[in-house]
Amino acid sequence: MVEDLVVAVAAAGSAGVVYLAAAARVVKQYERGVLFRLGRVSGEVRSPGLNLIIPFVDRLRKINLQIVTMPIPAQEGITRDNVTVRVDAVVYFRVVDAVSALVKVEDYKFAVSQMAQTSLRSIIGKSDLDDLLSNREKLNQGLELMLDSPAVGWGIQVDRVEIKDVSLPDTMKRSMARQAEADRERRARIINADAELQASKKLAEAAQQMADTPTALQLRLLQTVMAVAAEKNSTLVLPIPVELLHFLERGAQQPAPNGEAKPLTQ
């Protein structure tokens, strides 16, 4: 009798252990569990931790709530100004309603991927090439709005969409390079012309100052001689300005103390 009781208790304990093993489900911190009882959603979303279900009756589906980083394959399209480009992007999204993500859409990741590709092609057709190259922030916001509108009904929140790269044809790259080179050359010529204008104004002011003060021309000549002599050249060729000769001529024509003009030659 005792042996039969021990066997029954052992069998009951084994059955209980098997039942707990079949009924126990562990939901991780970054997950939420949706319980389907006979095919219908039952109760609230299961929180992280140990959860018990009825074996062969209940089915627990786990949904990851972490942010998903999904690259959008490169899409080829024609911009509004008739330029063929290839654009790829990346979308960041997460599940905020686990029940809607399971019930309202078959595969929410595949749905978001297809919707992102379609929206990206639509953005390419509505934008100019300059917008794709320099005004990406505005395009990112527009693409995010296009993705977020249907995703809300699926229990998904789109956090951010970024355009990664814009590939251009080789002919367009060469054309843009020539345009940039021509623009840089134009700016260089304008800067050189402006520098010449400023230099000519300063030279004109210096010439006027030397014309009013002839002694300044002689001092400038001596400074030039000192600068050339510092190079330790064996031969020094120094041109004499005509203005210096005029200065010497005027100095020779000044009247002597007795009222007579000085002779030009001795």
C-alpha atoms as a PDB file:
ATOM      1  CA  MET A   1       0.000   0.000   0.000  1.00  0.00           C
ATOM      2  CA  VAL A   2       2.771   2.368   0.931  1.00  0.00           C
ATOM      3  CA  GLU A   3       4.689   1.495  -2.180  1.00  0.00           C
ATOM      4  CA  ASP A   4       1.666   2.250  -4.345  1.00  0.00           C
ATOM      5  CA  LEU A   5       1.250   5.602  -2.625  1.00  0.00           C
ATOM      6  CA  VAL A   6       4.904   6.494  -3.194  1.00  0.00           C
ATOM      7  CA  VAL A   7       4.629   5.569  -6.836  1.00  0.00           C
ATOM      8  CA  ALA A   8       1.483   7.682  -7.215  1.00  0.00           C
ATOM      9  CA  VAL A   9       3.125  10.668  -5.565  1.00  0.00           C
ATOM     10  CA  ALA A  10       6.195  10.283  -7.748  1.00  0.00           C
ATOM     11  CA  ALA A  11       4.035  10.041 -10.855  1.00  0.00           C
ATOM     12  CA  ALA A  12       2.054  13.112  -9.819  1.00  0.00           C
ATOM     13  CA  GLY A  13       5.266  15.031  -9.156  1.00  0.00           C
ATOM     14  CA  SER A  14       6.678  14.039 -12.533  1.00  0.00           C
ATOM     15  CA  ALA A  15       3.456  15.073 -14.225  1.00  0.00           C
ATOM     16  CA  GLY A  16       3.571  18.406 -12.412  1.00  0.00           C
ATOM     17  CA  VAL A  17       7.151  19.012 -13.494  1.00  0.00           C
ATOM     18  CA  VAL A  18       6.297  18.179 -17.101  1.00  0.00           C
ATOM     19  CA  TYR A  19       3.262  20.458 -16.926  1.00  0.00           C
ATOM     20  CA  LEU A  20       5.317  23.365 -15.541  1.00  0.00           C
ATOM     21  CA  ALA A  21       7.981  22.825 -18.181  1.00  0.00           C
ATOM     22  CA  ALA A  22       5.331  22.922 -20.894  1.00  0.00           C
ATOM     23  CA  ALA A  23       3.449  25.869 -19.364  1.00  0.00           C
ATOM     24  CA  ALA A  24       6.356  28.111 -18.357  1.00  0.00           C
ATOM     25  CA  ARG A  25       7.376  30.898 -20.732  1.00  0.00           C
ATOM     26  CA  VAL A  26      10.040  33.528 -20.068  1.00  0.00           C
ATOM     27  CA  VAL A  27       9.595  36.983 -21.593  1.00  0.00           C
ATOM     28  CA  LYS A  28      12.774  39.077 -21.720  1.00  0.00           C
ATOM     29  CA  GLN A  29      13.019  42.691 -20.626  1.00  0.00           C
ATOM     30  CA  TYR A  30      12.992  44.094 -24.159  1.00  0.00           C
ATOM     31  CA  GLU A  31      10.077  41.851 -25.241  1.00  0.00           C
ATOM     32  CA  ARG A  32       6.336  41.694 -24.752  1.00  0.00           C
ATOM     33  CA  GLY A  33       4.211  38.557 -24.987  1.00  0.00           C
ATOM     34  CA  VAL A  34       0.874  38.284 -26.811  1.00  0.00           C
ATOM     35  CA  LEU A  35      -1.225  35.313 -25.688  1.00  0.00           C
ATOM     36  CA  PHE A  36      -3.431  33.524 -28.222  1.00  0.00           C
ATOM     37  CA  ARG A  37      -5.983  31.186 -26.671  1.00  0.00           C
ATOM     38  CA  LEU A  38      -7.577  28.936 -29.252  1.00  0.00           C
ATOM     39  CA  GLY A  39      -6.595  31.434 -31.922  1.00  0.00           C
ATOM     40  CA  ARG A  40      -7.923  34.554 -30.200  1.00  0.00           C
ATOM     41  CA  VAL A  41      -5.989  37.247 -28.309  1.00  0.00           C
ATOM     42  CA  SER A  42      -6.555  36.672 -24.622  1.00  0.00           C
ATOM     43  CA  GLY A  43      -5.924  39.109 -21.820  1.00  0.00           C
ATOM     44  CA  GLU A  44      -3.372  41.874 -21.591  1.00  0.00           C
ATOM     45  CA  VAL A  45       0.068  41.882 -23.094  1.00  0.00           C
ATOM     46  CA  ARG A  46       2.361  39.744 -20.947  1.00  0.00           C
ATOM     47  CA  SER A  47       5.095  41.683 -19.189  1.00  0.00           C
ATOM     48  CA  PRO A  48       8.747  40.566 -18.836  1.00  0.00           C
ATOM     49  CA  GLY A  49       9.397  37.667 -16.493  1.00  0.00           C
ATOM     50  CA  LEU A  50       7.981  34.186 -15.982  1.00  0.00           C
ATOM     51  CA  ASN A  51       4.536  33.594 -17.476  1.00  0.00           C
ATOM     52  CA  LEU A  52       2.399  30.447 -17.320  1.00  0.00           C
ATOM     53  CA  ILE A  53       0.139  29.318 -20.138  1.00  0.00           C
ATOM     54  CA  ILE A  54      -2.169  26.369 -20.704  1.00  0.00           C
ATOM     55  CA  PRO A  55      -0.293  23.796 -22.801  1.00  0.00           C
ATOM     56  CA  PHE A  56      -1.854  22.807 -26.124  1.00  0.00           C
ATOM     57  CA  VAL A  57      -4.450  25.558 -25.680  1.00  0.00           C
ATOM     58  CA  ASP A  58      -2.480  28.789 -25.386  1.00  0.00           C
ATOM     59  CA  ARG A  59       0.243  30.074 -27.662  1.00  0.00           C
ATOM     60  CA  LEU A  60       2.539  32.917 -26.586  1.00  0.00           C
ATOM     61  CA  ARG A  61       4.076  35.111 -29.305  1.00  0.00           C
ATOM     62  CA  LYS A  62       6.958  37.372 -28.304  1.00  0.00           C
ATOM     63  CA  ILE A  63       7.508  40.773 -29.912  1.00  0.00           C
ATOM     64  CA  ASN A  64      10.805  42.651 -29.735  1.00  0.00           C
ATOM     65  CA  LEU A  65      10.372  46.301 -28.698  1.00  0.00           C
ATOM     66  CA  GLN A  66      13.940  47.379 -29.481  1.00  0.00           C
ATOM     67  CA  ILE A  67      14.637  49.904 -32.221  1.00  0.00           C
ATOM     68  CA  VAL A  68      15.144  48.134 -35.546  1.00  0.00           C
ATOM     69  CA  THR A  69      17.711  49.512 -37.995  1.00  0.00           C
ATOM     70  CA  MET A  70      16.614  48.580 -41.495  1.00  0.00           C
ATOM     71  CA  PRO A  71      18.595  49.599 -44.595  1.00  0.00           C
ATOM     72  CA  ILE A  72      16.525  50.551 -47.613  1.00  0.00           C
ATOM     73  CA  PRO A  73      17.975  49.063 -50.834  1.00  0.00           C
ATOM     74  CA  ALA A  74      19.170  51.583 -53.413  1.00  0.00           C
ATOM     75  CA  GLN A  75      16.304  52.832 -55.538  1.00  0.00           C
ATOM     76  CA  GLU A  76      16.857  54.187 -59.042  1.00  0.00           C
ATOM     77  CA  GLY A  77      14.652  56.988 -60.275  1.00  0.00           C
ATOM     78  CA  ILE A  78      14.458  60.194 -62.290  1.00  0.00           C
ATOM     79  CA  THR A  79      14.392  63.485 -60.443  1.00  0.00           C
ATOM     80  CA  ARG A  80      12.072  66.351 -61.269  1.00  0.00           C
ATOM     81  CA  ASP A  81      14.833  67.979 -63.361  1.00  0.00           C
ATOM     82  CA  ASN A  82      15.317  64.753 -65.410  1.00  0.00           C
ATOM     83  CA  VAL A  83      18.479  63.355 -63.801  1.00  0.00           C
ATOM     84  CA  THR A  84      18.807  59.606 -63.216  1.00  0.00           C
ATOM     85  CA  VAL A  85      20.040  58.846 -59.675  1.00  0.00           C
ATOM     86  CA  ARG A  86      20.331  55.924 -57.275  1.00  0.00           C
ATOM     87  CA  VAL A  87      19.455  56.696 -53.657  1.00  0.00           C
ATOM     88  CA  ASP A  88      19.694  54.449 -50.613  1.00  0.00           C
ATOM     89  CA  ALA A  89      18.544  55.195 -47.082  1.00  0.00           C
ATOM     90  CA  VAL A  90      18.074  53.710 -43.615  1.00  0.00           C
ATOM     91  CA  VAL A  91      14.976  53.710 -41.409  1.00  0.00           C
ATOM     92  CA  TYR A  92      14.815  53.367 -37.619  1.00  0.00           C
ATOM     93  CA  PHE A  93      11.539  52.102 -36.151  1.00  0.00           C
ATOM     94  CA  ARG A  94      10.175  50.165 -33.175  1.00  0.00           C
ATOM     95  CA  VAL A  95       6.993  48.391 -32.119  1.00  0.00           C
ATOM     96  CA  VAL A  96       4.814  50.300 -29.658  1.00  0.00           C
ATOM     97  CA  ASP A  97       1.706  48.078 -29.844  1.00  0.00           C
ATOM     98  CA  ALA A  98       2.549  44.376 -29.863  1.00  0.00           C
ATOM     99  CA  VAL A  99      -1.030  43.246 -30.530  1.00  0.00           C
ATOM    100  CA  SER A 100      -1.447  45.471 -33.601  1.00  0.00           C
ATOM    101  CA  ALA A 101       1.961  44.425 -34.956  1.00  0.00           C
ATOM    102  CA  LEU A 102       0.857  40.763 -34.851  1.00  0.00           C
ATOM    103  CA  VAL A 103      -2.814  41.030 -35.791  1.00  0.00           C
ATOM    104  CA  LYS A 104      -3.055  43.903 -38.283  1.00  0.00           C
ATOM    105  CA  VAL A 105      -0.100  43.013 -40.503  1.00  0.00           C
ATOM    106  CA  GLU A 106       1.346  39.657 -41.501  1.00  0.00           C
ATOM    107  CA  ASP A 107       5.036  40.602 -41.346  1.00  0.00           C
ATOM    108  CA  TYR A 108       5.577  44.127 -40.063  1.00  0.00           C
ATOM    109  CA  LYS A 109       9.290  44.226 -40.971  1.00  0.00           C
ATOM    110  CA  PHE A 110       8.628  43.242 -44.575  1.00  0.00           C
ATOM    111  CA  ALA A 111       5.738  45.725 -44.732  1.00  0.00           C
ATOM    112  CA  VAL A 112       7.922  48.578 -43.473  1.00  0.00           C
ATOM    113  CA  SER A 113      10.662  47.643 -45.951  1.00  0.00           C
ATOM    114  CA  GLN A 114       8.335  47.672 -48.943  1.00  0.00           C
ATOM    115  CA  MET A 115       6.663  50.885 -47.836  1.00  0.00           C
ATOM    116  CA  ALA A 116      10.062  52.555 -47.355  1.00  0.00           C
ATOM    117  CA  GLN A 117      11.205  51.586 -50.865  1.00  0.00           C
ATOM    118  CA  THR A 118       7.998  52.915 -52.419  1.00  0.00           C
ATOM    119  CA  SER A 119       8.193  56.173 -50.453  1.00  0.00           C
ATOM    120  CA  LEU A 120      11.844  56.642 -51.391  1.00  0.00           C
ATOM    121  CA  ARG A 121      11.059  56.325 -55.108  1.00  0.00           C
ATOM    122  CA  SER A 122       8.247  58.821 -54.666  1.00  0.00           C
ATOM    123  CA  ILE A 123      10.588  61.290 -52.938  1.00  0.00           C
ATOM    124  CA  ILE A 124      13.119  60.969 -55.783  1.00  0.00           C
ATOM    125  CA  GLY A 125      10.488  61.819 -58.402  1.00  0.00           C
ATOM    126  CA  LYS A 126       9.288  64.883 -56.479  1.00  0.00           C
ATOM    127  CA  SER A 127      12.718  66.376 -55.753  1.00  0.00           C
ATOM    128  CA  ASP A 128      15.384  68.196 -57.735  1.00  0.00           C
ATOM    129  CA  LEU A 129      18.993  67.042 -57.861  1.00  0.00           C
ATOM    130  CA  ASP A 130      20.140  70.009 -55.784  1.00  0.00           C
ATOM    131  CA  ASP A 131      17.663  69.087 -53.048  1.00  0.00           C
ATOM    132  CA  LEU A 132      18.959  65.505 -52.930  1.00  0.00           C
ATOM    133  CA  LEU A 133      22.537  66.725 -52.612  1.00  0.00           C
ATOM    134  CA  SER A 134      22.208  69.702 -50.256  1.00  0.00           C
ATOM    135  CA  ASN A 135      18.749  69.730 -48.660  1.00  0.00           C
ATOM    136  CA  ARG A 136      18.576  66.205 -47.238  1.00  0.00           C
ATOM    137  CA  GLU A 137      17.174  67.213 -43.857  1.00  0.00           C
ATOM    138  CA  LYS A 138      13.934  68.386 -45.416  1.00  0.00           C
ATOM    139  CA  LEU A 139      13.703  65.234 -47.550  1.00  0.00           C
ATOM    140  CA  ASN A 140      14.336  63.062 -44.479  1.00  0.00           C
ATOM    141  CA  GLN A 141      11.437  64.716 -42.689  1.00  0.00           C
ATOM    142  CA  GLY A 142       9.137  64.261 -45.678  1.00  0.00           C
ATOM    143  CA  LEU A 143      10.122  60.604 -46.013  1.00  0.00           C
ATOM    144  CA  GLU A 144       9.539  60.064 -42.285  1.00  0.00           C
ATOM    145  CA  LEU A 145       6.014  61.492 -42.555  1.00  0.00           C
ATOM    146  CA  MET A 146       5.230  59.247 -45.519  1.00  0.00           C
ATOM    147  CA  LEU A 147       6.339  56.177 -43.550  1.00  0.00           C
ATOM    148  CA  ASP A 148       4.803  57.134 -40.221  1.00  0.00           C
ATOM    149  CA  SER A 149       1.257  57.639 -41.491  1.00  0.00           C
ATOM    150  CA  PRO A 150       0.455  53.974 -42.332  1.00  0.00           C
ATOM    151  CA  ALA A 151       2.843  52.550 -39.727  1.00  0.00           C
ATOM    152  CA  VAL A 152       0.827  54.007 -36.842  1.00  0.00           C
ATOM    153  CA  GLY A 153      -2.069  51.678 -37.685  1.00  0.00           C
ATOM    154  CA  TRP A 154       0.305  48.708 -37.470  1.00  0.00           C
ATOM    155  CA  GLY A 155       1.485  49.566 -33.968  1.00  0.00           C
ATOM    156  CA  ILE A 156       4.840  50.802 -35.264  1.00  0.00           C
ATOM    157  CA  GLN A 157       6.543  54.121 -34.613  1.00  0.00           C
ATOM    158  CA  VAL A 158       9.100  55.435 -37.107  1.00  0.00           C
ATOM    159  CA  ASP A 159      11.815  57.248 -35.157  1.00  0.00           C
ATOM    160  CA  ARG A 160      14.038  58.502 -37.960  1.00  0.00           C
ATOM    161  CA  VAL A 161      14.769  58.144 -41.678  1.00  0.00           C
ATOM    162  CA  GLU A 162      18.115  59.104 -43.203  1.00  0.00           C
ATOM    163  CA  ILE A 163      19.206  59.268 -46.850  1.00  0.00           C
ATOM    164  CA  LYS A 164      22.685  57.739 -46.884  1.00  0.00           C
ATOM    165  CA  ASP A 165      24.045  58.140 -50.399  1.00  0.00           C
ATOM    166  CA  VAL A 166      23.096  59.587 -53.771  1.00  0.00           C
ATOM    167  CA  SER A 167      24.839  57.972 -56.765  1.00  0.00           C
ATOM    168  CA  LEU A 168      25.096  60.009 -59.969  1.00  0.00           C
ATOM    169  CA  PRO A 169      26.012  58.925 -63.516  1.00  0.00           C
ATOM    170  CA  ASP A 170      29.625  59.480 -64.565  1.00  0.00           C
ATOM    171  CA  THR A 171      28.626  62.043 -67.187  1.00  0.00           C
ATOM    172  CA  MET A 172      26.790  64.087 -64.556  1.00  0.00           C
ATOM    173  CA  LYS A 173      29.781  63.892 -62.225  1.00  0.00           C
ATOM    174  CA  ARG A 174      32.075  65.238 -64.947  1.00  0.00           C
ATOM    175  CA  SER A 175      29.626  68.032 -65.761  1.00  0.00           C
ATOM    176  CA  MET A 176      29.386  69.035 -62.110  1.00  0.00           C
ATOM    177  CA  ALA A 177      33.175  68.947 -61.790  1.00  0.00           C
ATOM    178  CA  ARG A 178      33.559  71.254 -64.789  1.00  0.00           C
ATOM    179  CA  GLN A 179      30.932  73.587 -63.388  1.00  0.00           C
ATOM    180  CA  ALA A 180      32.668  73.734 -60.008  1.00  0.00           C
ATOM    181  CA  GLU A 181      36.036  74.317 -61.678  1.00  0.00           C
ATOM    182  CA  ALA A 182      34.634  77.153 -63.785  1.00  0.00           C
ATOM    183  CA  ASP A 183      33.042  78.738 -60.732  1.00  0.00           C
ATOM    184  CA  ARG A 184      36.330  78.571 -58.778  1.00  0.00           C
ATOM    185  CA  GLU A 185      38.198  80.104 -61.729  1.00  0.00           C
ATOM    186  CA  ARG A 186      35.632  82.898 -61.946  1.00  0.00           C
ATOM    187  CA  ARG A 187      36.024  83.691 -58.254  1.00  0.00           C
ATOM    188  CA  ALA A 188      39.827  83.602 -58.562  1.00  0.00           C
ATOM    189  CA  ARG A 189      39.732  86.117 -61.412  1.00  0.00           C
ATOM    190  CA  ILE A 190      37.427  88.405 -59.462  1.00  0.00           C
ATOM    191  CA  ILE A 191      39.730  88.247 -56.438  1.00  0.00           C
ATOM    192  CA  ASN A 192      42.798  88.983 -58.594  1.00  0.00           C
ATOM    193  CA  ALA A 193      41.069  91.911 -60.262  1.00  0.00           C
ATOM    194  CA  ASP A 194      40.004  93.310 -56.899  1.00  0.00           C
ATOM    195  CA  ALA A 195      43.571  92.949 -55.612  1.00  0.00           C
ATOM    196  CA  GLU A 196      44.939  94.782 -58.682  1.00  0.00           C
ATOM    197  CA  LEU A 197      42.425  97.585 -58.164  1.00  0.00           C
ATOM    198  CA  GLN A 198      43.394  98.017 -54.526  1.00  0.00           C
ATOM    199  CA  ALA A 199      47.104  97.867 -55.380  1.00  0.00           C
ATOM    200  CA  SER A 200      46.700 100.504 -58.107  1.00  0.00           C
ATOM    201  CA  LYS A 201      44.904 102.844 -55.681  1.00  0.00           C
ATOM    202  CA  LYS A 202      47.688 102.468 -53.120  1.00  0.00           C
ATOM    203  CA  LEU A 203      50.369 103.019 -55.769  1.00  0.00           C
ATOM    204  CA  ALA A 204      48.592 106.144 -56.976  1.00  0.00           C
ATOM    205  CA  GLU A 205      48.492 107.474 -53.410  1.00  0.00           C
ATOM    206  CA  ALA A 206      52.192 106.676 -52.969  1.00  0.00           C
ATOM    207  CA  ALA A 207      53.098 108.412 -56.248  1.00  0.00           C
ATOM    208  CA  GLN A 208      51.113 111.490 -55.232  1.00  0.00           C
ATOM    209  CA  GLN A 209      52.851 111.561 -51.851  1.00  0.00           C
ATOM    210  CA  MET A 210      56.298 111.286 -53.471  1.00  0.00           C
ATOM    211  CA  ALA A 211      55.395 114.015 -55.976  1.00  0.00           C
ATOM    212  CA  ASP A 212      54.518 116.358 -53.110  1.00  0.00           C
ATOM    213  CA  THR A 213      57.662 115.412 -51.167  1.00  0.00           C
ATOM    214  CA  PRO A 214      60.589 114.770 -53.552  1.00  0.00           C
ATOM    215  CA  THR A 215      62.875 113.828 -50.680  1.00  0.00           C
ATOM    216  CA  ALA A 216      60.771 110.712 -50.091  1.00  0.00           C
ATOM    217  CA  LEU A 217      61.816 109.401 -53.504  1.00  0.00           C
ATOM    218  CA  GLN A 218      65.488 109.689 -52.568  1.00  0.00           C
ATOM    219  CA  LEU A 219      64.895 107.899 -49.268  1.00  0.00           C
ATOM    220  CA  ARG A 220      63.041 105.141 -51.083  1.00  0.00           C
ATOM    221  CA  LEU A 221      65.977 104.779 -53.484  1.00  0.00           C
ATOM    222  CA  LEU A 222      68.380 104.416 -50.565  1.00  0.00           C
ATOM    223  CA  GLN A 223      66.149 101.768 -48.976  1.00  0.00           C
ATOM    224  CA  THR A 224      66.164  99.853 -52.249  1.00  0.00           C
ATOM    225  CA  VAL A 225      69.963 100.000 -52.363  1.00  0.00           C
ATOM    226  CA  MET A 226      70.178  98.649 -48.807  1.00  0.00           C
ATOM    227  CA  ALA A 227      67.742  95.824 -49.602  1.00  0.00           C
ATOM    228  CA  VAL A 228      69.693  94.783 -52.688  1.00  0.00           C
ATOM    229  CA  ALA A 229      73.057  95.070 -50.909  1.00  0.00           C
ATOM    230  CA  ALA A 230      71.858  92.713 -48.189  1.00  0.00           C
ATOM    231  CA  GLU A 231      71.718  89.891 -50.767  1.00  0.00           C
ATOM    232  CA  LYS A 232      75.529  90.019 -51.096  1.00  0.00           C
ATOM    233  CA  ASN A 233      75.491  90.323 -54.867  1.00  0.00           C
ATOM    234  CA  SER A 234      78.756  91.036 -56.640  1.00  0.00           C
ATOM    235  CA  THR A 235      77.090  93.237 -59.245  1.00  0.00           C
ATOM    236  CA  LEU A 236      74.564  95.961 -58.456  1.00  0.00           C
ATOM    237  CA  VAL A 237      72.570  97.543 -61.248  1.00  0.00           C
ATOM    238  CA  LEU A 238      70.563 100.454 -59.881  1.00  0.00           C
ATOM    239  CA  PRO A 239      68.262 102.437 -62.180  1.00  0.00           C
ATOM    240  CA  ILE A 240      68.041 106.125 -61.389  1.00  0.00           C
ATOM    241  CA  PRO A 241      64.484 107.443 -61.522  1.00  0.00           C
ATOM    242  CA  VAL A 242      63.822 110.415 -63.766  1.00  0.00           C
ATOM    243  CA  GLU A 243      62.069 112.140 -60.860  1.00  0.00           C
ATOM    244  CA  LEU A 244      65.349 112.092 -58.924  1.00  0.00           C
ATOM    245  CA  LEU A 245      67.117 113.827 -61.795  1.00  0.00           C
ATOM    246  CA  HIS A 246      64.396 116.467 -61.835  1.00  0.00           C
ATOM    247  CA  PHE A 247      64.847 116.912 -58.099  1.00  0.00           C
ATOM    248  CA  LEU A 248      68.583 117.431 -58.532  1.00  0.00           C
ATOM    249  CA  GLU A 249      67.961 119.812 -61.415  1.00  0.00           C
ATOM    250  CA  ARG A 250      65.607 121.925 -59.329  1.00  0.00           C
ATOM    251  CA  GLY A 251      68.143 121.972 -56.514  1.00  0.00           C
ATOM    252  CA  ALA A 252      70.860 123.173 -58.961  1.00  0.00           C
ATOM    253  CA  GLN A 253      68.650 125.974 -60.293  1.00  0.00           C
ATOM    254  CA  GLN A 254      68.027 127.520 -56.829  1.00  0.00           C
ATOM    255  CA  PRO A 255      69.470 131.112 -56.599  1.00  0.00           C
ATOM    256  CA  ALA A 256      72.774 131.660 -54.855  1.00  0.00           C
ATOM    257  CA  PRO A 257      73.056 133.915 -51.775  1.00  0.00           C
ATOM    258  CA  ASN A 258      74.338 136.785 -53.964  1.00  0.00           C
ATOM    259  CA  GLY A 259      71.222 136.573 -56.163  1.00  0.00           C
ATOM    260  CA  GLU A 260      72.835 134.705 -59.046  1.00  0.00           C
ATOM    261  CA  ALA A 261      71.648 131.279 -60.161  1.00  0.00           C
ATOM    262  CA  LYS A 262      73.933 128.358 -59.638  1.00  0.00           C
ATOM    263  CA  PRO A 263      75.433 126.990 -62.820  1.00  0.00           C
ATOM    264  CA  LEU A 264      74.204 123.555 -63.913  1.00  0.00           C
ATOM    265  CA  THR A 265      77.735 122.294 -64.521  1.00  0.00           C
ATOM    266  CA  GLN A 266      81.010 123.046 -62.886  1.00  0.00           C
END
